Amino acid sequence: MSRPPFRTRDPLQAAEAAFKKATTRPAEPEPKAPSIPGAKETVSLRIDRDVLDYFQEDGPGWQDRINAALRQAAGK
């Protein structure tokens, strides 16, 4: 009886397959749907208490004031 070969594939083919697997980029996810202009998005943001107190001192609208400060910091 003859024994089957220990290796089932050619070493060159195995090396090429491993290289291809390591260098092939995964498929990119589908792009997000375009957002509605001017729509706001809910996020969770950790802010120091003193900073939050500063923006809340003037009453309602503190979230808009934080947004305006962040927009200015971003250069927009």
PDB file of N, CA and C in Angstrom:
ATOM      1  N   MET A   1       0.820  -1.178   0.000  1.00  0.00           N
ATOM      2  CA  MET A   1       0.000   0.000   0.000  1.00  0.00           C
ATOM      3  C   MET A   1       0.863   1.240   0.000  1.00  0.00           C
ATOM      4  N   SER A   2       0.426   2.163  -0.782  1.00  0.00           N
ATOM      5  CA  SER A   2       1.198   3.396  -0.810  1.00  0.00           C
ATOM      6  C   SER A   2       0.508   4.429   0.069  1.00  0.00           C
ATOM      7  N   ARG A   3       1.300   5.199   0.718  1.00  0.00           N
ATOM      8  CA  ARG A   3       0.797   6.257   1.599  1.00  0.00           C
ATOM      9  C   ARG A   3       0.577   7.529   0.806  1.00  0.00           C
ATOM     10  N   PRO A   4      -0.501   8.279   1.120  1.00  0.00           N
ATOM     11  CA  PRO A   4      -0.678   9.554   0.412  1.00  0.00           C
ATOM     12  C   PRO A   4       0.405  10.525   0.858  1.00  0.00           C
ATOM     13  N   PRO A   5       0.742  11.465   0.010  1.00  0.00           N
ATOM     14  CA  PRO A   5       1.794  12.422   0.368  1.00  0.00           C
ATOM     15  C   PRO A   5       1.373  13.240   1.595  1.00  0.00           C
ATOM     16  N   PHE A   6       2.348  13.635   2.417  1.00  0.00           N
ATOM     17  CA  PHE A   6       2.106  14.415   3.629  1.00  0.00           C
ATOM     18  C   PHE A   6       1.503  15.775   3.285  1.00  0.00           C
ATOM     19  N   ARG A   7       2.064  16.409   2.285  1.00  0.00           N
ATOM     20  CA  ARG A   7       1.546  17.706   1.846  1.00  0.00           C
ATOM     21  C   ARG A   7       0.565  17.489   0.704  1.00  0.00           C
ATOM     22  N   THR A   8      -0.565  18.153   0.842  1.00  0.00           N
ATOM     23  CA  THR A   8      -1.571  17.980  -0.198  1.00  0.00           C
ATOM     24  C   THR A   8      -1.463  19.041  -1.283  1.00  0.00           C
ATOM     25  N   ARG A   9      -0.712  20.148  -0.993  1.00  0.00           N
ATOM     26  CA  ARG A   9      -0.571  21.210  -1.991  1.00  0.00           C
ATOM     27  C   ARG A   9       0.901  21.508  -2.227  1.00  0.00           C
ATOM     28  N   ASP A  10       1.125  22.118  -3.344  1.00  0.00           N
ATOM     29  CA  ASP A  10       2.454  22.562  -3.708  1.00  0.00           C
ATOM     30  C   ASP A  10       2.860  23.713  -2.756  1.00  0.00           C
ATOM     31  N   PRO A  11       4.068  23.707  -2.203  1.00  0.00           N
ATOM     32  CA  PRO A  11       4.474  24.778  -1.285  1.00  0.00           C
ATOM     33  C   PRO A  11       4.397  26.168  -1.917  1.00  0.00           C
ATOM     34  N   LEU A  12       4.678  26.277  -3.181  1.00  0.00           N
ATOM     35  CA  LEU A  12       4.604  27.565  -3.864  1.00  0.00           C
ATOM     36  C   LEU A  12       3.166  28.066  -3.894  1.00  0.00           C
ATOM     37  N   GLN A  13       2.226  27.186  -4.208  1.00  0.00           N
ATOM     38  CA  GLN A  13       0.819  27.575  -4.214  1.00  0.00           C
ATOM     39  C   GLN A  13       0.349  27.958  -2.811  1.00  0.00           C
ATOM     40  N   ALA A  14       0.803  27.230  -1.805  1.00  0.00           N
ATOM     41  CA  ALA A  14       0.421  27.538  -0.436  1.00  0.00           C
ATOM     42  C   ALA A  14       0.962  28.907  -0.030  1.00  0.00           C
ATOM     43  N   ALA A  15       2.195  29.219  -0.410  1.00  0.00           N
ATOM     44  CA  ALA A  15       2.797  30.512  -0.091  1.00  0.00           C
ATOM     45  C   ALA A  15       2.068  31.637  -0.814  1.00  0.00           C
ATOM     46  N   GLU A  16       1.729  31.427  -2.067  1.00  0.00           N
ATOM     47  CA  GLU A  16       1.003  32.441  -2.821  1.00  0.00           C
ATOM     48  C   GLU A  16      -0.388  32.679  -2.231  1.00  0.00           C
ATOM     49  N   ALA A  17      -1.051  31.615  -1.807  1.00  0.00           N
ATOM     50  CA  ALA A  17      -2.379  31.756  -1.200  1.00  0.00           C
ATOM     51  C   ALA A  17      -2.286  32.516   0.116  1.00  0.00           C
ATOM     52  N   ALA A  18      -1.268  32.218   0.919  1.00  0.00           N
ATOM     53  CA  ALA A  18      -1.091  32.922   2.197  1.00  0.00           C
ATOM     54  C   ALA A  18      -0.777  34.396   1.963  1.00  0.00           C
ATOM     55  N   PHE A  19       0.069  34.684   0.963  1.00  0.00           N
ATOM     56  CA  PHE A  19       0.415  36.070   0.646  1.00  0.00           C
ATOM     57  C   PHE A  19      -0.819  36.832   0.175  1.00  0.00           C
ATOM     58  N   LYS A  20      -1.601  36.203  -0.680  1.00  0.00           N
ATOM     59  CA  LYS A  20      -2.799  36.852  -1.195  1.00  0.00           C
ATOM     60  C   LYS A  20      -3.781  37.137  -0.060  1.00  0.00           C
ATOM     61  N   LYS A  21      -3.943  36.178   0.846  1.00  0.00           N
ATOM     62  CA  LYS A  21      -4.848  36.359   1.975  1.00  0.00           C
ATOM     63  C   LYS A  21      -4.375  37.497   2.876  1.00  0.00           C
ATOM     64  N   ALA A  22      -3.066  37.620   3.078  1.00  0.00           N
ATOM     65  CA  ALA A  22      -2.518  38.646   3.973  1.00  0.00           C
ATOM     66  C   ALA A  22      -2.514  40.029   3.340  1.00  0.00           C
ATOM     67  N   THR A  23      -2.476  40.119   2.027  1.00  0.00           N
ATOM     68  CA  THR A  23      -2.350  41.422   1.373  1.00  0.00           C
ATOM     69  C   THR A  23      -3.637  41.917   0.713  1.00  0.00           C
ATOM     70  N   THR A  24      -4.653  41.090   0.659  1.00  0.00           N
ATOM     71  CA  THR A  24      -5.899  41.498   0.034  1.00  0.00           C
ATOM     72  C   THR A  24      -6.714  42.313   1.032  1.00  0.00           C
ATOM     73  N   ARG A  25      -7.162  43.478   0.604  1.00  0.00           N
ATOM     74  CA  ARG A  25      -7.979  44.320   1.470  1.00  0.00           C
ATOM     75  C   ARG A  25      -9.384  43.739   1.574  1.00  0.00           C
ATOM     76  N   PRO A  26      -9.958  43.821   2.761  1.00  0.00           N
ATOM     77  CA  PRO A  26     -11.346  43.355   2.877  1.00  0.00           C
ATOM     78  C   PRO A  26     -12.286  44.296   2.133  1.00  0.00           C
ATOM     79  N   ALA A  27     -13.413  43.796   1.754  1.00  0.00           N
ATOM     80  CA  ALA A  27     -14.390  44.622   1.040  1.00  0.00           C
ATOM     81  C   ALA A  27     -14.812  45.779   1.936  1.00  0.00           C
ATOM     82  N   GLU A  28     -14.877  46.962   1.356  1.00  0.00           N
ATOM     83  CA  GLU A  28     -15.265  48.142   2.124  1.00  0.00           C
ATOM     84  C   GLU A  28     -16.763  48.106   2.386  1.00  0.00           C
ATOM     85  N   PRO A  29     -17.160  48.547   3.593  1.00  0.00           N
ATOM     86  CA  PRO A  29     -18.596  48.562   3.872  1.00  0.00           C
ATOM     87  C   PRO A  29     -19.301  49.579   2.984  1.00  0.00           C
ATOM     88  N   GLU A  30     -20.586  49.369   2.806  1.00  0.00           N
ATOM     89  CA  GLU A  30     -21.350  50.295   1.977  1.00  0.00           C
ATOM     90  C   GLU A  30     -21.361  51.672   2.635  1.00  0.00           C
ATOM     91  N   PRO A  31     -21.272  52.738   1.846  1.00  0.00           N
ATOM     92  CA  PRO A  31     -21.265  54.076   2.428  1.00  0.00           C
ATOM     93  C   PRO A  31     -22.598  54.373   3.114  1.00  0.00           C
ATOM     94  N   LYS A  32     -22.512  55.211   4.153  1.00  0.00           N
ATOM     95  CA  LYS A  32     -23.723  55.603   4.866  1.00  0.00           C
ATOM     96  C   LYS A  32     -24.590  56.460   3.958  1.00  0.00           C
ATOM     97  N   ALA A  33     -25.867  56.398   4.206  1.00  0.00           N
ATOM     98  CA  ALA A  33     -26.793  57.233   3.445  1.00  0.00           C
ATOM     99  C   ALA A  33     -26.494  58.694   3.771  1.00  0.00           C
ATOM    100  N   PRO A  34     -26.603  59.584   2.805  1.00  0.00           N
ATOM    101  CA  PRO A  34     -26.313  60.988   3.077  1.00  0.00           C
ATOM    102  C   PRO A  34     -27.256  61.529   4.150  1.00  0.00           C
ATOM    103  N   SER A  35     -26.694  62.337   5.030  1.00  0.00           N
ATOM    104  CA  SER A  35     -27.513  62.880   6.105  1.00  0.00           C
ATOM    105  C   SER A  35     -28.310  64.076   5.607  1.00  0.00           C
ATOM    106  N   ILE A  36     -29.341  64.383   6.334  1.00  0.00           N
ATOM    107  CA  ILE A  36     -30.191  65.514   5.994  1.00  0.00           C
ATOM    108  C   ILE A  36     -29.467  66.784   6.423  1.00  0.00           C
ATOM    109  N   PRO A  37     -29.320  67.767   5.541  1.00  0.00           N
ATOM    110  CA  PRO A  37     -28.622  68.999   5.912  1.00  0.00           C
ATOM    111  C   PRO A  37     -29.300  69.677   7.107  1.00  0.00           C
ATOM    112  N   GLY A  38     -28.486  70.085   8.061  1.00  0.00           N
ATOM    113  CA  GLY A  38     -29.007  70.788   9.230  1.00  0.00           C
ATOM    114  C   GLY A  38     -29.595  69.883  10.294  1.00  0.00           C
ATOM    115  N   ALA A  39     -29.642  68.566  10.053  1.00  0.00           N
ATOM    116  CA  ALA A  39     -30.192  67.648  11.046  1.00  0.00           C
ATOM    117  C   ALA A  39     -29.179  67.465  12.172  1.00  0.00           C
ATOM    118  N   LYS A  40     -29.677  67.327  13.366  1.00  0.00           N
ATOM    119  CA  LYS A  40     -28.802  67.124  14.522  1.00  0.00           C
ATOM    120  C   LYS A  40     -28.764  65.637  14.827  1.00  0.00           C
ATOM    121  N   GLU A  41     -27.655  65.204  15.404  1.00  0.00           N
ATOM    122  CA  GLU A  41     -27.474  63.801  15.729  1.00  0.00           C
ATOM    123  C   GLU A  41     -27.253  63.667  17.227  1.00  0.00           C
ATOM    124  N   THR A  42     -27.890  62.694  17.826  1.00  0.00           N
ATOM    125  CA  THR A  42     -27.744  62.452  19.253  1.00  0.00           C
ATOM    126  C   THR A  42     -26.433  61.724  19.509  1.00  0.00           C
ATOM    127  N   VAL A  43     -25.624  62.274  20.425  1.00  0.00           N
ATOM    128  CA  VAL A  43     -24.364  61.652  20.813  1.00  0.00           C
ATOM    129  C   VAL A  43     -24.244  61.693  22.329  1.00  0.00           C
ATOM    130  N   SER A  44     -23.357  60.880  22.841  1.00  0.00           N
ATOM    131  CA  SER A  44     -23.046  60.904  24.267  1.00  0.00           C
ATOM    132  C   SER A  44     -21.653  61.503  24.390  1.00  0.00           C
ATOM    133  N   LEU A  45     -21.538  62.521  25.227  1.00  0.00           N
ATOM    134  CA  LEU A  45     -20.284  63.257  25.336  1.00  0.00           C
ATOM    135  C   LEU A  45     -19.983  63.505  26.803  1.00  0.00           C
ATOM    136  N   ARG A  46     -18.782  63.176  27.225  1.00  0.00           N
ATOM    137  CA  ARG A  46     -18.394  63.404  28.617  1.00  0.00           C
ATOM    138  C   ARG A  46     -17.702  64.764  28.709  1.00  0.00           C
ATOM    139  N   ILE A  47     -18.284  65.648  29.520  1.00  0.00           N
ATOM    140  CA  ILE A  47     -17.789  67.014  29.675  1.00  0.00           C
ATOM    141  C   ILE A  47     -17.540  67.266  31.155  1.00  0.00           C
ATOM    142  N   ASP A  48     -16.462  67.972  31.456  1.00  0.00           N
ATOM    143  CA  ASP A  48     -16.188  68.327  32.853  1.00  0.00           C
ATOM    144  C   ASP A  48     -17.349  69.134  33.413  1.00  0.00           C
ATOM    145  N   ARG A  49     -17.621  68.947  34.692  1.00  0.00           N
ATOM    146  CA  ARG A  49     -18.761  69.596  35.344  1.00  0.00           C
ATOM    147  C   ARG A  49     -18.679  71.115  35.259  1.00  0.00           C
ATOM    148  N   ASP A  50     -17.483  71.684  35.441  1.00  0.00           N
ATOM    149  CA  ASP A  50     -17.363  73.143  35.405  1.00  0.00           C
ATOM    150  C   ASP A  50     -17.666  73.699  34.015  1.00  0.00           C
ATOM    151  N   VAL A  51     -17.312  72.965  32.986  1.00  0.00           N
ATOM    152  CA  VAL A  51     -17.597  73.400  31.615  1.00  0.00           C
ATOM    153  C   VAL A  51     -19.102  73.332  31.368  1.00  0.00           C
ATOM    154  N   LEU A  52     -19.733  72.265  31.805  1.00  0.00           N
ATOM    155  CA  LEU A  52     -21.181  72.123  31.644  1.00  0.00           C
ATOM    156  C   LEU A  52     -21.915  73.220  32.408  1.00  0.00           C
ATOM    157  N   ASP A  53     -21.464  73.492  33.636  1.00  0.00           N
ATOM    158  CA  ASP A  53     -22.083  74.569  34.432  1.00  0.00           C
ATOM    159  C   ASP A  53     -21.985  75.912  33.716  1.00  0.00           C
ATOM    160  N   TYR A  54     -20.840  76.165  33.089  1.00  0.00           N
ATOM    161  CA  TYR A  54     -20.636  77.426  32.374  1.00  0.00           C
ATOM    162  C   TYR A  54     -21.690  77.601  31.277  1.00  0.00           C
ATOM    163  N   PHE A  55     -21.914  76.548  30.497  1.00  0.00           N
ATOM    164  CA  PHE A  55     -22.873  76.651  29.390  1.00  0.00           C
ATOM    165  C   PHE A  55     -24.318  76.649  29.875  1.00  0.00           C
ATOM    166  N   GLN A  56     -24.594  76.026  31.023  1.00  0.00           N
ATOM    167  CA  GLN A  56     -25.962  75.965  31.540  1.00  0.00           C
ATOM    168  C   GLN A  56     -26.341  77.204  32.350  1.00  0.00           C
ATOM    169  N   GLU A  57     -25.377  78.054  32.706  1.00  0.00           N
ATOM    170  CA  GLU A  57     -25.657  79.251  33.510  1.00  0.00           C
ATOM    171  C   GLU A  57     -26.714  80.157  32.881  1.00  0.00           C
ATOM    172  N   ASP A  58     -26.693  80.277  31.559  1.00  0.00           N
ATOM    173  CA  ASP A  58     -27.613  81.182  30.870  1.00  0.00           C
ATOM    174  C   ASP A  58     -28.963  80.543  30.565  1.00  0.00           C
ATOM    175  N   GLY A  59     -29.208  79.340  31.086  1.00  0.00           N
ATOM    176  CA  GLY A  59     -30.509  78.699  30.928  1.00  0.00           C
ATOM    177  C   GLY A  59     -30.653  77.894  29.653  1.00  0.00           C
ATOM    178  N   PRO A  60     -31.898  77.743  29.202  1.00  0.00           N
ATOM    179  CA  PRO A  60     -32.168  76.925  28.015  1.00  0.00           C
ATOM    180  C   PRO A  60     -31.347  77.381  26.811  1.00  0.00           C
ATOM    181  N   GLY A  61     -31.021  76.410  25.975  1.00  0.00           N
ATOM    182  CA  GLY A  61     -30.203  76.701  24.795  1.00  0.00           C
ATOM    183  C   GLY A  61     -28.741  76.359  25.012  1.00  0.00           C
ATOM    184  N   TRP A  62     -28.438  75.757  26.160  1.00  0.00           N
ATOM    185  CA  TRP A  62     -27.034  75.460  26.462  1.00  0.00           C
ATOM    186  C   TRP A  62     -26.431  74.475  25.466  1.00  0.00           C
ATOM    187  N   GLN A  63     -27.225  73.549  24.942  1.00  0.00           N
ATOM    188  CA  GLN A  63     -26.697  72.605  23.959  1.00  0.00           C
ATOM    189  C   GLN A  63     -26.335  73.324  22.659  1.00  0.00           C
ATOM    190  N   ASP A  64     -27.153  74.295  22.272  1.00  0.00           N
ATOM    191  CA  ASP A  64     -26.841  75.081  21.073  1.00  0.00           C
ATOM    192  C   ASP A  64     -25.570  75.900  21.286  1.00  0.00           C
ATOM    193  N   ARG A  65     -25.381  76.417  22.509  1.00  0.00           N
ATOM    194  CA  ARG A  65     -24.165  77.190  22.795  1.00  0.00           C
ATOM    195  C   ARG A  65     -22.925  76.300  22.760  1.00  0.00           C
ATOM    196  N   ILE A  66     -23.035  75.074  23.274  1.00  0.00           N
ATOM    197  CA  ILE A  66     -21.905  74.139  23.186  1.00  0.00           C
ATOM    198  C   ILE A  66     -21.623  73.826  21.726  1.00  0.00           C
ATOM    199  N   ASN A  67     -22.669  73.603  20.941  1.00  0.00           N
ATOM    200  CA  ASN A  67     -22.506  73.309  19.518  1.00  0.00           C
ATOM    201  C   ASN A  67     -21.802  74.462  18.798  1.00  0.00           C
ATOM    202  N   ALA A  68     -22.204  75.696  19.118  1.00  0.00           N
ATOM    203  CA  ALA A  68     -21.585  76.863  18.490  1.00  0.00           C
ATOM    204  C   ALA A  68     -20.110  76.968  18.881  1.00  0.00           C
ATOM    205  N   ALA A  69     -19.791  76.693  20.151  1.00  0.00           N
ATOM    206  CA  ALA A  69     -18.393  76.745  20.598  1.00  0.00           C
ATOM    207  C   ALA A  69     -17.563  75.669  19.911  1.00  0.00           C
ATOM    208  N   LEU A  70     -18.118  74.487  19.755  1.00  0.00           N
ATOM    209  CA  LEU A  70     -17.401  73.405  19.068  1.00  0.00           C
ATOM    210  C   LEU A  70     -17.220  73.717  17.588  1.00  0.00           C
ATOM    211  N   ARG A  71     -18.256  74.316  16.987  1.00  0.00           N
ATOM    212  CA  ARG A  71     -18.152  74.695  15.564  1.00  0.00           C
ATOM    213  C   ARG A  71     -17.035  75.736  15.380  1.00  0.00           C
ATOM    214  N   GLN A  72     -16.954  76.702  16.289  1.00  0.00           N
ATOM    215  CA  GLN A  72     -15.916  77.724  16.202  1.00  0.00           C
ATOM    216  C   GLN A  72     -14.539  77.102  16.410  1.00  0.00           C
ATOM    217  N   ALA A  73     -14.429  76.169  17.355  1.00  0.00           N
ATOM    218  CA  ALA A  73     -13.146  75.496  17.602  1.00  0.00           C
ATOM    219  C   ALA A  73     -12.712  74.669  16.390  1.00  0.00           C
ATOM    220  N   ALA A  74     -13.704  74.150  15.650  1.00  0.00           N
ATOM    221  CA  ALA A  74     -13.402  73.350  14.458  1.00  0.00           C
ATOM    222  C   ALA A  74     -13.084  74.233  13.249  1.00  0.00           C
ATOM    223  N   GLY A  75     -13.270  75.556  13.399  1.00  0.00           N
ATOM    224  CA  GLY A  75     -12.960  76.465  12.304  1.00  0.00           C
ATOM    225  C   GLY A  75     -14.053  76.538  11.257  1.00  0.00           C
ATOM    226  N   LYS A  76     -15.270  76.319  11.657  1.00  0.00           N
ATOM    227  CA  LYS A  76     -16.393  76.350  10.697  1.00  0.00           C
ATOM    228  C   LYS A  76     -17.301  77.515  10.977  1.00  0.00           C
TER     229      LYS A  76
END
